[in-house]
PDB file of N, CA and C in Angstrom:
ATOM      1  N   MET A   1     -25.058 -33.988   6.614  1.00  0.00           N
ATOM      2  CA  MET A   1     -25.725 -34.866   7.867  1.00  0.00           C
ATOM      3  C   MET A   1     -26.889 -34.723   8.954  1.00  0.00           C
ATOM      4  N   LYS A   2     -28.144 -35.489   8.297  1.00  0.00           N
ATOM      5  CA  LYS A   2     -28.621 -35.807   9.602  1.00  0.00           C
ATOM      6  C   LYS A   2     -28.168 -35.565  10.879  1.00  0.00           C
ATOM      7  N   GLY A   3     -28.447 -34.656  11.549  1.00  0.00           N
ATOM      8  CA  GLY A   3     -28.027 -34.175  13.047  1.00  0.00           C
ATOM      9  C   GLY A   3     -27.301 -32.905  13.156  1.00  0.00           C
ATOM     10  N   ASP A   4     -26.717 -32.431  11.764  1.00  0.00           N
ATOM     11  CA  ASP A   4     -25.767 -31.364  11.692  1.00  0.00           C
ATOM     12  C   ASP A   4     -26.992 -30.356  12.026  1.00  0.00           C
ATOM     13  N   HIS A   5     -26.396 -29.144  12.703  1.00  0.00           N
ATOM     14  CA  HIS A   5     -27.690 -27.688  13.353  1.00  0.00           C
ATOM     15  C   HIS A   5     -26.258 -26.898  13.067  1.00  0.00           C
ATOM     16  N   VAL A   6     -26.250 -25.836  13.626  1.00  0.00           N
ATOM     17  CA  VAL A   6     -25.894 -24.314  13.274  1.00  0.00           C
ATOM     18  C   VAL A   6     -26.379 -23.324  14.246  1.00  0.00           C
ATOM     19  N   GLU A   7     -26.071 -22.972  15.181  1.00  0.00           N
ATOM     20  CA  GLU A   7     -26.815 -21.703  15.870  1.00  0.00           C
ATOM     21  C   GLU A   7     -26.466 -20.535  15.545  1.00  0.00           C
ATOM     22  N   ILE A   8     -26.606 -19.484  15.757  1.00  0.00           N
ATOM     23  CA  ILE A   8     -26.697 -18.353  15.413  1.00  0.00           C
ATOM     24  C   ILE A   8     -26.811 -17.327  16.593  1.00  0.00           C
ATOM     25  N   VAL A   9     -26.568 -16.167  17.078  1.00  0.00           N
ATOM     26  CA  VAL A   9     -26.907 -15.664  17.796  1.00  0.00           C
ATOM     27  C   VAL A   9     -26.203 -14.703  17.472  1.00  0.00           C
ATOM     28  N   ILE A  10     -27.395 -13.318  17.397  1.00  0.00           N
ATOM     29  CA  ILE A  10     -27.501 -12.316  16.713  1.00  0.00           C
ATOM     30  C   ILE A  10     -28.088 -10.804  17.729  1.00  0.00           C
ATOM     31  N   ASP A  11     -27.579 -10.138  17.459  1.00  0.00           N
ATOM     32  CA  ASP A  11     -27.949  -9.001  18.126  1.00  0.00           C
ATOM     33  C   ASP A  11     -29.071  -7.990  17.751  1.00  0.00           C
ATOM     34  N   ALA A  12     -30.050  -8.352  18.570  1.00  0.00           N
ATOM     35  CA  ALA A  12     -32.062  -8.017  17.551  1.00  0.00           C
ATOM     36  C   ALA A  12     -32.248  -6.334  17.904  1.00  0.00           C
ATOM     37  N   GLY A  13     -31.126  -5.555  18.920  1.00  0.00           N
ATOM     38  CA  GLY A  13     -30.986  -4.638  19.056  1.00  0.00           C
ATOM     39  C   GLY A  13     -31.688  -4.458  20.315  1.00  0.00           C
ATOM     40  N   ASP A  14     -32.360  -5.159  21.155  1.00  0.00           N
ATOM     41  CA  ASP A  14     -33.758  -5.132  22.051  1.00  0.00           C
ATOM     42  C   ASP A  14     -32.912  -5.737  23.239  1.00  0.00           C
ATOM     43  N   GLY A  15     -31.724  -6.938  22.379  1.00  0.00           N
ATOM     44  CA  GLY A  15     -31.029  -7.943  23.280  1.00  0.00           C
ATOM     45  C   GLY A  15     -30.618  -9.197  22.069  1.00  0.00           C
ATOM     46  N   VAL A  16     -30.453 -10.317  22.764  1.00  0.00           N
ATOM     47  CA  VAL A  16     -29.653 -11.435  21.461  1.00  0.00           C
ATOM     48  C   VAL A  16     -31.065 -12.224  21.212  1.00  0.00           C
ATOM     49  N   ARG A  17     -30.476 -12.644  20.141  1.00  0.00           N
ATOM     50  CA  ARG A  17     -31.743 -13.776  19.646  1.00  0.00           C
ATOM     51  C   ARG A  17     -31.281 -14.992  19.236  1.00  0.00           C
ATOM     52  N   SER A  18     -31.370 -16.095  19.178  1.00  0.00           N
ATOM     53  CA  SER A  18     -30.949 -17.439  18.945  1.00  0.00           C
ATOM     54  C   SER A  18     -31.568 -18.201  17.756  1.00  0.00           C
ATOM     55  N   TYR A  19     -31.096 -18.274  16.379  1.00  0.00           N
ATOM     56  CA  TYR A  19     -31.968 -19.150  16.000  1.00  0.00           C
ATOM     57  C   TYR A  19     -30.734 -20.726  15.708  1.00  0.00           C
ATOM     58  N   ASP A  20     -31.915 -21.182  15.100  1.00  0.00           N
ATOM     59  CA  ASP A  20     -30.994 -22.646  14.790  1.00  0.00           C
ATOM     60  C   ASP A  20     -31.614 -23.674  13.819  1.00  0.00           C
ATOM     61  N   ILE A  21     -30.493 -23.565  12.846  1.00  0.00           N
ATOM     62  CA  ILE A  21     -31.164 -24.667  11.399  1.00  0.00           C
ATOM     63  C   ILE A  21     -29.748 -25.599  11.343  1.00  0.00           C
ATOM     64  N   ALA A  22     -30.677 -26.920  11.147  1.00  0.00           N
ATOM     65  CA  ALA A  22     -30.843 -28.041  10.816  1.00  0.00           C
ATOM     66  C   ALA A  22     -31.031 -28.964  10.150  1.00  0.00           C
ATOM     67  N   ALA A  23     -29.896 -30.478  10.038  1.00  0.00           N
ATOM     68  CA  ALA A  23     -30.287 -30.611   9.184  1.00  0.00           C
ATOM     69  C   ALA A  23     -31.534 -31.872   9.321  1.00  0.00           C
ATOM     70  N   THR A  24     -32.604 -31.663   8.584  1.00  0.00           N
ATOM     71  CA  THR A  24     -33.509 -32.991   9.395  1.00  0.00           C
ATOM     72  C   THR A  24     -33.766 -34.083   8.747  1.00  0.00           C
ATOM     73  N   ARG A  25     -33.276 -34.636   8.161  1.00  0.00           N
ATOM     74  CA  ARG A  25     -33.544 -36.381   7.307  1.00  0.00           C
ATOM     75  C   ARG A  25     -32.138 -36.530   6.739  1.00  0.00           C
ATOM     76  N   ALA A  26     -31.931 -37.594   6.295  1.00  0.00           N
ATOM     77  CA  ALA A  26     -30.996 -38.110   5.934  1.00  0.00           C
ATOM     78  C   ALA A  26     -30.481 -37.997   4.944  1.00  0.00           C
ATOM     79  N   GLY A  27     -29.430 -37.257   4.312  1.00  0.00           N
ATOM     80  CA  GLY A  27     -28.681 -37.244   3.522  1.00  0.00           C
ATOM     81  C   GLY A  27     -28.437 -35.453   3.027  1.00  0.00           C
ATOM     82  N   ARG A  28     -29.572 -34.700   4.188  1.00  0.00           N
ATOM     83  CA  ARG A  28     -29.333 -33.381   3.942  1.00  0.00           C
ATOM     84  C   ARG A  28     -28.447 -33.039   4.960  1.00  0.00           C
ATOM     85  N   ARG A  29     -27.723 -31.356   4.000  1.00  0.00           N
ATOM     86  CA  ARG A  29     -26.939 -30.858   5.005  1.00  0.00           C
ATOM     87  C   ARG A  29     -27.037 -29.182   5.294  1.00  0.00           C
ATOM     88  N   VAL A  30     -26.306 -28.340   6.020  1.00  0.00           N
ATOM     89  CA  VAL A  30     -26.366 -26.857   6.528  1.00  0.00           C
ATOM     90  C   VAL A  30     -24.834 -26.519   5.933  1.00  0.00           C
ATOM     91  N   GLU A  31     -25.046 -26.086   5.074  1.00  0.00           N
ATOM     92  CA  GLU A  31     -24.034 -25.089   4.242  1.00  0.00           C
ATOM     93  C   GLU A  31     -24.314 -23.832   4.990  1.00  0.00           C
ATOM     94  N   ILE A  32     -22.823 -22.683   4.872  1.00  0.00           N
ATOM     95  CA  ILE A  32     -22.808 -21.386   5.564  1.00  0.00           C
ATOM     96  C   ILE A  32     -22.218 -20.841   4.439  1.00  0.00           C
ATOM     97  N   THR A  33     -22.683 -19.500   4.349  1.00  0.00           N
ATOM     98  CA  THR A  33     -21.927 -18.495   3.391  1.00  0.00           C
ATOM     99  C   THR A  33     -21.634 -16.920   3.952  1.00  0.00           C
ATOM    100  N   GLN A  34     -20.899 -17.235   3.556  1.00  0.00           N
ATOM    101  CA  GLN A  34     -20.710 -14.913   4.194  1.00  0.00           C
ATOM    102  C   GLN A  34     -19.973 -14.026   2.811  1.00  0.00           C
ATOM    103  N   GLY A  35     -20.800 -13.244   2.627  1.00  0.00           N
ATOM    104  CA  GLY A  35     -20.171 -12.150   1.677  1.00  0.00           C
ATOM    105  C   GLY A  35     -20.836 -10.480   1.292  1.00  0.00           C
ATOM    106  N   ARG A  36     -20.234  -9.947   0.870  1.00  0.00           N
ATOM    107  CA  ARG A  36     -21.169  -8.430   1.076  1.00  0.00           C
ATOM    108  C   ARG A  36     -21.745  -8.251   1.935  1.00  0.00           C
ATOM    109  N   GLY A  37     -21.714  -8.195   3.072  1.00  0.00           N
ATOM    110  CA  GLY A  37     -22.192  -8.039   4.239  1.00  0.00           C
ATOM    111  C   GLY A  37     -23.734  -9.181   4.837  1.00  0.00           C
ATOM    112  N   ILE A  38     -23.905 -10.158   4.499  1.00  0.00           N
ATOM    113  CA  ILE A  38     -24.595 -11.088   4.241  1.00  0.00           C
ATOM    114  C   ILE A  38     -24.086 -12.789   4.729  1.00  0.00           C
ATOM    115  N   VAL A  39     -24.567 -13.064   5.835  1.00  0.00           N
ATOM    116  CA  VAL A  39     -24.455 -14.400   6.424  1.00  0.00           C
ATOM    117  C   VAL A  39     -25.049 -15.339   6.188  1.00  0.00           C
ATOM    118  N   GLU A  40     -25.327 -16.386   5.062  1.00  0.00           N
ATOM    119  CA  GLU A  40     -26.518 -17.348   4.889  1.00  0.00           C
ATOM    120  C   GLU A  40     -26.202 -18.839   5.345  1.00  0.00           C
ATOM    121  N   VAL A  41     -27.710 -19.293   5.914  1.00  0.00           N
ATOM    122  CA  VAL A  41     -26.812 -20.218   6.470  1.00  0.00           C
ATOM    123  C   VAL A  41     -28.512 -21.259   5.755  1.00  0.00           C
ATOM    124  N   VAL A  42     -28.005 -22.298   4.414  1.00  0.00           N
ATOM    125  CA  VAL A  42     -28.621 -22.808   3.879  1.00  0.00           C
ATOM    126  C   VAL A  42     -28.307 -24.770   4.339  1.00  0.00           C
ATOM    127  N   GLU A  43     -29.751 -25.171   4.285  1.00  0.00           N
ATOM    128  CA  GLU A  43     -29.918 -26.805   4.603  1.00  0.00           C
ATOM    129  C   GLU A  43     -30.676 -27.344   3.150  1.00  0.00           C
ATOM    130  N   VAL A  44     -29.912 -28.383   2.906  1.00  0.00           N
ATOM    131  CA  VAL A  44     -29.871 -28.059   1.719  1.00  0.00           C
ATOM    132  C   VAL A  44     -30.034 -30.243   0.948  1.00  0.00           C
ATOM    133  N   THR A  45     -30.474 -30.141   0.144  1.00  0.00           N
ATOM    134  CA  THR A  45     -30.790 -31.865  -0.155  1.00  0.00           C
ATOM    135  C   THR A  45     -29.363 -32.615  -0.958  1.00  0.00           C
ATOM    136  N   ARG A  46     -28.991 -33.941  -0.975  1.00  0.00           N
ATOM    137  CA  ARG A  46     -27.736 -34.444  -1.756  1.00  0.00           C
ATOM    138  C   ARG A  46     -28.000 -33.524  -2.999  1.00  0.00           C
ATOM    139  N   ARG A  47     -28.930 -33.807  -3.417  1.00  0.00           N
ATOM    140  CA  ARG A  47     -28.338 -32.300  -5.012  1.00  0.00           C
ATOM    141  C   ARG A  47     -28.082 -31.097  -5.092  1.00  0.00           C
ATOM    142  N   GLY A  48     -28.351 -30.397  -3.788  1.00  0.00           N
ATOM    143  CA  GLY A  48     -28.135 -29.225  -3.549  1.00  0.00           C
ATOM    144  C   GLY A  48     -28.861 -28.665  -3.644  1.00  0.00           C
ATOM    145  N   THR A  49     -30.669 -28.716  -3.694  1.00  0.00           N
ATOM    146  CA  THR A  49     -31.662 -28.092  -3.955  1.00  0.00           C
ATOM    147  C   THR A  49     -32.142 -27.686  -2.316  1.00  0.00           C
ATOM    148  N   PRO A  50     -31.791 -25.940  -2.192  1.00  0.00           N
ATOM    149  CA  PRO A  50     -32.003 -25.402  -1.246  1.00  0.00           C
ATOM    150  C   PRO A  50     -33.292 -25.958  -0.158  1.00  0.00           C
ATOM    151  N   VAL A  51     -33.564 -26.335   0.980  1.00  0.00           N
ATOM    152  CA  VAL A  51     -34.868 -26.425   1.676  1.00  0.00           C
ATOM    153  C   VAL A  51     -35.346 -25.213   2.734  1.00  0.00           C
ATOM    154  N   ARG A  52     -34.628 -24.996   3.417  1.00  0.00           N
ATOM    155  CA  ARG A  52     -34.725 -24.141   3.722  1.00  0.00           C
ATOM    156  C   ARG A  52     -32.967 -22.874   4.220  1.00  0.00           C
ATOM    157  N   THR A  53     -33.789 -22.043   3.827  1.00  0.00           N
ATOM    158  CA  THR A  53     -32.751 -20.648   4.184  1.00  0.00           C
ATOM    159  C   THR A  53     -32.521 -19.486   5.449  1.00  0.00           C
ATOM    160  N   ALA A  54     -31.608 -19.219   5.745  1.00  0.00           N
ATOM    161  CA  ALA A  54     -31.385 -18.561   7.102  1.00  0.00           C
ATOM    162  C   ALA A  54     -30.728 -17.146   6.152  1.00  0.00           C
ATOM    163  N   ARG A  55     -30.826 -15.827   6.382  1.00  0.00           N
ATOM    164  CA  ARG A  55     -30.280 -14.661   6.492  1.00  0.00           C
ATOM    165  C   ARG A  55     -29.824 -13.429   7.322  1.00  0.00           C
ATOM    166  N   PHE A  56     -28.436 -13.272   7.289  1.00  0.00           N
ATOM    167  CA  PHE A  56     -28.511 -12.421   8.489  1.00  0.00           C
ATOM    168  C   PHE A  56     -27.631 -11.548   8.088  1.00  0.00           C
ATOM    169  N   MET A  57     -27.401 -10.356   8.635  1.00  0.00           N
ATOM    170  CA  MET A  57     -26.888  -9.577   8.301  1.00  0.00           C
ATOM    171  C   MET A  57     -25.409  -9.541   9.613  1.00  0.00           C
ATOM    172  N   ALA A  58     -24.509  -9.465   8.802  1.00  0.00           N
ATOM    173  CA  ALA A  58     -22.919 -10.079   9.437  1.00  0.00           C
ATOM    174  C   ALA A  58     -22.749  -9.434  10.076  1.00  0.00           C
ATOM    175  N   ALA A  59     -22.925  -8.027  10.196  1.00  0.00           N
ATOM    176  CA  ALA A  59     -22.525  -6.716  11.499  1.00  0.00           C
ATOM    177  C   ALA A  59     -23.924  -7.432  12.684  1.00  0.00           C
ATOM    178  N   ARG A  60     -24.471  -7.744  12.396  1.00  0.00           N
ATOM    179  CA  ARG A  60     -25.474  -8.451  13.776  1.00  0.00           C
ATOM    180  C   ARG A  60     -24.907  -9.802  13.996  1.00  0.00           C
ATOM    181  N   VAL A  61     -24.740  -9.870  13.524  1.00  0.00           N
ATOM    182  CA  VAL A  61     -24.169 -11.721  14.024  1.00  0.00           C
ATOM    183  C   VAL A  61     -23.317 -11.562  14.921  1.00  0.00           C
ATOM    184  N   LEU A  62     -23.702 -11.923  16.135  1.00  0.00           N
ATOM    185  CA  LEU A  62     -22.170 -12.261  17.762  1.00  0.00           C
ATOM    186  C   LEU A  62     -21.629 -12.873  17.291  1.00  0.00           C
ATOM    187  N   ALA A  63     -22.161 -14.060  17.372  1.00  0.00           N
ATOM    188  CA  ALA A  63     -21.351 -16.017  17.208  1.00  0.00           C
ATOM    189  C   ALA A  63     -22.669 -16.662  16.218  1.00  0.00           C
ATOM    190  N   LEU A  64     -21.854 -17.453  15.344  1.00  0.00           N
ATOM    191  CA  LEU A  64     -22.249 -18.464  14.815  1.00  0.00           C
ATOM    192  C   LEU A  64     -21.698 -19.563  15.148  1.00  0.00           C
ATOM    193  N   VAL A  65     -21.874 -21.093  15.841  1.00  0.00           N
ATOM    194  CA  VAL A  65     -21.890 -22.083  15.930  1.00  0.00           C
ATOM    195  C   VAL A  65     -22.424 -23.217  15.194  1.00  0.00           C
ATOM    196  N   GLU A  66     -20.894 -24.306  15.043  1.00  0.00           N
ATOM    197  CA  GLU A  66     -21.787 -25.474  13.885  1.00  0.00           C
ATOM    198  C   GLU A  66     -21.700 -26.519  14.956  1.00  0.00           C
ATOM    199  N   HIS A  67     -22.409 -27.158  14.611  1.00  0.00           N
ATOM    200  CA  HIS A  67     -22.712 -28.749  16.069  1.00  0.00           C
ATOM    201  C   HIS A  67     -22.871 -29.711  14.924  1.00  0.00           C
ATOM    202  N   PRO A  68     -21.592 -30.899  14.404  1.00  0.00           N
ATOM    203  CA  PRO A  68     -22.007 -32.191  13.781  1.00  0.00           C
ATOM    204  C   PRO A  68     -22.450 -32.786  14.605  1.00  0.00           C
ATOM    205  N   ALA A  69     -23.025 -33.548  14.027  1.00  0.00           N
ATOM    206  CA  ALA A  69     -23.877 -35.067  14.235  1.00  0.00           C
ATOM    207  C   ALA A  69     -22.678 -36.117  14.877  1.00  0.00           C
ATOM    208  N   ALA A  70     -22.914 -36.474  15.863  1.00  0.00           N
ATOM    209  CA  ALA A  70     -22.354 -37.279  16.000  1.00  0.00           C
ATOM    210  C   ALA A  70     -21.640 -38.571  15.660  1.00  0.00           C
ATOM    211  N   GLU A  71     -20.260 -39.085  15.270  1.00  0.00           N
ATOM    212  CA  GLU A  71     -19.883 -39.969  14.069  1.00  0.00           C
ATOM    213  C   GLU A  71     -20.228 -41.298  14.801  1.00  0.00           C
ATOM    214  N   ASP A  72     -20.819 -41.658  15.794  1.00  0.00           N
ATOM    215  CA  ASP A  72     -20.386 -43.134  16.370  1.00  0.00           C
ATOM    216  C   ASP A  72     -22.280 -43.520  15.360  1.00  0.00           C
ATOM    217  N   GLY A  73     -23.095 -42.768  15.123  1.00  0.00           N
ATOM    218  CA  GLY A  73     -24.595 -42.592  14.854  1.00  0.00           C
ATOM    219  C   GLY A  73     -25.363 -43.229  16.331  1.00  0.00           C
ATOM    220  N   SER A  74     -24.807 -42.827  16.720  1.00  0.00           N
ATOM    221  CA  SER A  74     -25.798 -41.801  18.571  1.00  0.00           C
ATOM    222  C   SER A  74     -26.678 -40.755  18.213  1.00  0.00           C
ATOM    223  N   ALA A  75     -27.758 -41.228  18.720  1.00  0.00           N
ATOM    224  CA  ALA A  75     -28.691 -40.208  18.824  1.00  0.00           C
ATOM    225  C   ALA A  75     -28.169 -38.435  18.763  1.00  0.00           C
ATOM    226  N   PRO A  76     -28.365 -37.532  17.991  1.00  0.00           N
ATOM    227  CA  PRO A  76     -27.417 -36.370  18.242  1.00  0.00           C
ATOM    228  C   PRO A  76     -28.204 -35.888  19.364  1.00  0.00           C
ATOM    229  N   PRO A  77     -27.341 -34.978  20.244  1.00  0.00           N
ATOM    230  CA  PRO A  77     -27.735 -34.059  21.415  1.00  0.00           C
ATOM    231  C   PRO A  77     -29.012 -33.130  21.048  1.00  0.00           C
ATOM    232  N   PRO A  78     -29.682 -32.905  22.042  1.00  0.00           N
ATOM    233  CA  PRO A  78     -30.636 -32.076  21.780  1.00  0.00           C
ATOM    234  C   PRO A  78     -30.654 -30.515  21.114  1.00  0.00           C
ATOM    235  N   PRO A  79     -31.133 -29.458  20.743  1.00  0.00           N
ATOM    236  CA  PRO A  79     -30.378 -28.294  19.945  1.00  0.00           C
ATOM    237  C   PRO A  79     -30.583 -27.744  21.039  1.00  0.00           C
ATOM    238  N   PRO A  80     -29.838 -26.561  21.363  1.00  0.00           N
ATOM    239  CA  PRO A  80     -29.490 -25.540  22.331  1.00  0.00           C
ATOM    240  C   PRO A  80     -30.825 -25.176  22.786  1.00  0.00           C
ATOM    241  N   ALA A  81     -30.990 -24.660  23.842  1.00  0.00           N
ATOM    242  CA  ALA A  81     -32.411 -23.922  24.783  1.00  0.00           C
ATOM    243  C   ALA A  81     -32.257 -22.485  23.901  1.00  0.00           C
ATOM    244  N   PRO A  82     -33.113 -21.666  23.684  1.00  0.00           N
ATOM    245  CA  PRO A  82     -33.075 -20.293  22.959  1.00  0.00           C
ATOM    246  C   PRO A  82     -32.528 -19.458  24.338  1.00  0.00           C
ATOM    247  N   LEU A  83     -31.535 -18.210  23.976  1.00  0.00           N
ATOM    248  CA  LEU A  83     -30.744 -17.351  24.429  1.00  0.00           C
ATOM    249  C   LEU A  83     -31.898 -15.941  24.895  1.00  0.00           C
ATOM    250  N   GLY A  84     -31.295 -15.637  25.278  1.00  0.00           N
ATOM    251  CA  GLY A  84     -32.518 -14.382  25.594  1.00  0.00           C
ATOM    252  C   GLY A  84     -33.882 -14.219  25.694  1.00  0.00           C
ATOM    253  N   ASP A  85     -34.043 -13.517  25.092  1.00  0.00           N
ATOM    254  CA  ASP A  85     -36.129 -13.581  26.013  1.00  0.00           C
ATOM    255  C   ASP A  85     -36.791 -14.415  24.936  1.00  0.00           C
TER     256      ASP A  85
END
């Protein structure tokens, strides 16, 4: 759903880095899969076609936070400010 976004915080060795993957258009959604030491976050269309993909080593992921869109149709909150440097 437009407005859904997932925030991923990883250990980059020299500090932490934050990434944000969002559903940018109506009908798109964000899916998360985990397996074989990899965490994958994908923005997909209604038909399941991937639009953007982000892959991270599971051992480096410190936090993965899902932010659902507002239920009442109001404007979604702005994405959080980047963490770290």
